């Protein structure tokens, strides 16, 4: 089953939120950071950095992680109020 991960413009708050969502899903699936790193082909240091909000993942890295976690990115049109 795929879960939606809401994608918004990436400021530091959004990067931290993204990392938390990834960590929460990983824990829900009972997967360690090391296992997620191995299954996705991403380094453990990168997984740790993303989950802690210190790293800003490339789209490729993000897709690799999300595929393992059964998550998808949902893009939404941004509404600008004038």
Protein backbone atom coordinates (compact mmCIF):
# COMPACT_ATOMS: atom_id res chain seq x y z
CA UNK A 1 0.00 0.00 0.00
CA UNK A 2 1.35 3.44 -0.94
CA UNK A 3 1.02 6.43 1.36
CA UNK A 4 1.09 10.04 0.22
CA UNK A 5 3.90 12.29 1.34
CA UNK A 6 2.95 15.92 0.85
CA UNK A 7 5.65 17.90 -0.93
CA UNK A 8 5.96 21.65 -0.41
CA UNK A 9 8.71 24.17 -1.19
CA UNK A 10 11.73 23.18 0.88
CA UNK A 11 12.76 25.53 3.64
CA UNK A 12 14.53 24.28 6.76
CA UNK A 13 11.21 23.60 8.48
CA UNK A 14 9.98 21.54 5.54
CA UNK A 15 13.25 19.59 5.36
CA UNK A 16 12.90 18.72 9.05
CA UNK A 17 9.26 17.76 8.52
CA UNK A 18 10.20 15.55 5.55
CA UNK A 19 12.85 13.82 7.64
CA UNK A 20 10.38 13.25 10.47
CA UNK A 21 7.82 11.75 8.10
CA UNK A 22 10.46 9.39 6.70
CA UNK A 23 11.62 8.41 10.21
CA UNK A 24 8.04 7.87 11.39
CA UNK A 25 7.24 5.61 8.43
CA UNK A 26 10.51 3.68 8.85
CA UNK A 27 9.71 3.06 12.51
CA UNK A 28 6.12 2.09 11.65
CA UNK A 29 7.58 -0.61 9.38
CA UNK A 30 10.10 -1.66 12.07
CA UNK A 31 13.07 -0.94 9.79
CA UNK A 32 16.35 0.32 11.23
CA UNK A 33 18.19 3.22 9.61
CA UNK A 34 20.92 0.76 8.58
CA UNK A 35 18.38 -1.54 6.93
CA UNK A 36 16.72 1.37 5.12
CA UNK A 37 20.13 2.52 3.89
CA UNK A 38 20.99 -0.95 2.61
CA UNK A 39 17.60 -1.59 0.97
CA UNK A 40 17.56 1.79 -0.76
CA UNK A 41 21.23 1.96 -1.75
CA UNK A 42 21.69 5.18 0.22
CA UNK A 43 24.41 5.63 2.81
CA UNK A 44 23.55 5.34 6.50
CA UNK A 45 25.01 8.81 7.02
CA UNK A 46 22.61 10.21 4.41
CA UNK A 47 19.58 8.46 5.95
CA UNK A 48 20.55 9.79 9.38
CA UNK A 49 21.07 13.29 8.00
CA UNK A 50 17.72 13.34 6.22
CA UNK A 51 15.81 12.04 9.24
CA UNK A 52 17.46 14.58 11.54
CA UNK A 53 16.77 17.46 9.12
CA UNK A 54 20.45 18.18 8.49
CA UNK A 55 20.53 16.88 4.91
CA UNK A 56 18.53 18.06 1.91
CA UNK A 57 18.14 14.94 -0.27
CA UNK A 58 18.29 14.96 -4.04
CA UNK A 59 15.15 13.84 -5.84
CA UNK A 60 16.89 10.57 -6.77
CA UNK A 61 17.81 9.78 -3.14
CA UNK A 62 14.34 10.75 -1.97
CA UNK A 63 12.70 8.43 -4.51
CA UNK A 64 14.99 5.54 -3.50
CA UNK A 65 14.01 5.94 0.16
CA UNK A 66 10.31 6.43 -0.53
CA UNK A 67 10.15 3.36 -2.74
CA UNK A 68 11.39 1.17 0.13
CA UNK A 69 8.98 2.85 2.56
CA UNK A 70 5.95 2.55 0.27
CA UNK A 71 5.53 6.32 0.08
CA UNK A 72 4.87 8.60 -2.89
CA UNK A 73 5.30 12.32 -3.43
CA UNK A 74 2.18 14.29 -4.21
CA UNK A 75 2.67 17.60 -5.98
CA UNK A 76 0.07 20.30 -5.50
CA UNK A 77 -0.37 23.64 -7.18
CA UNK A 78 0.56 26.40 -4.82
CA UNK A 79 -2.19 28.96 -4.30
CA UNK A 80 -0.91 32.50 -4.17
CA UNK A 81 -3.10 35.01 -2.38
CA UNK A 82 -2.95 38.52 -3.77
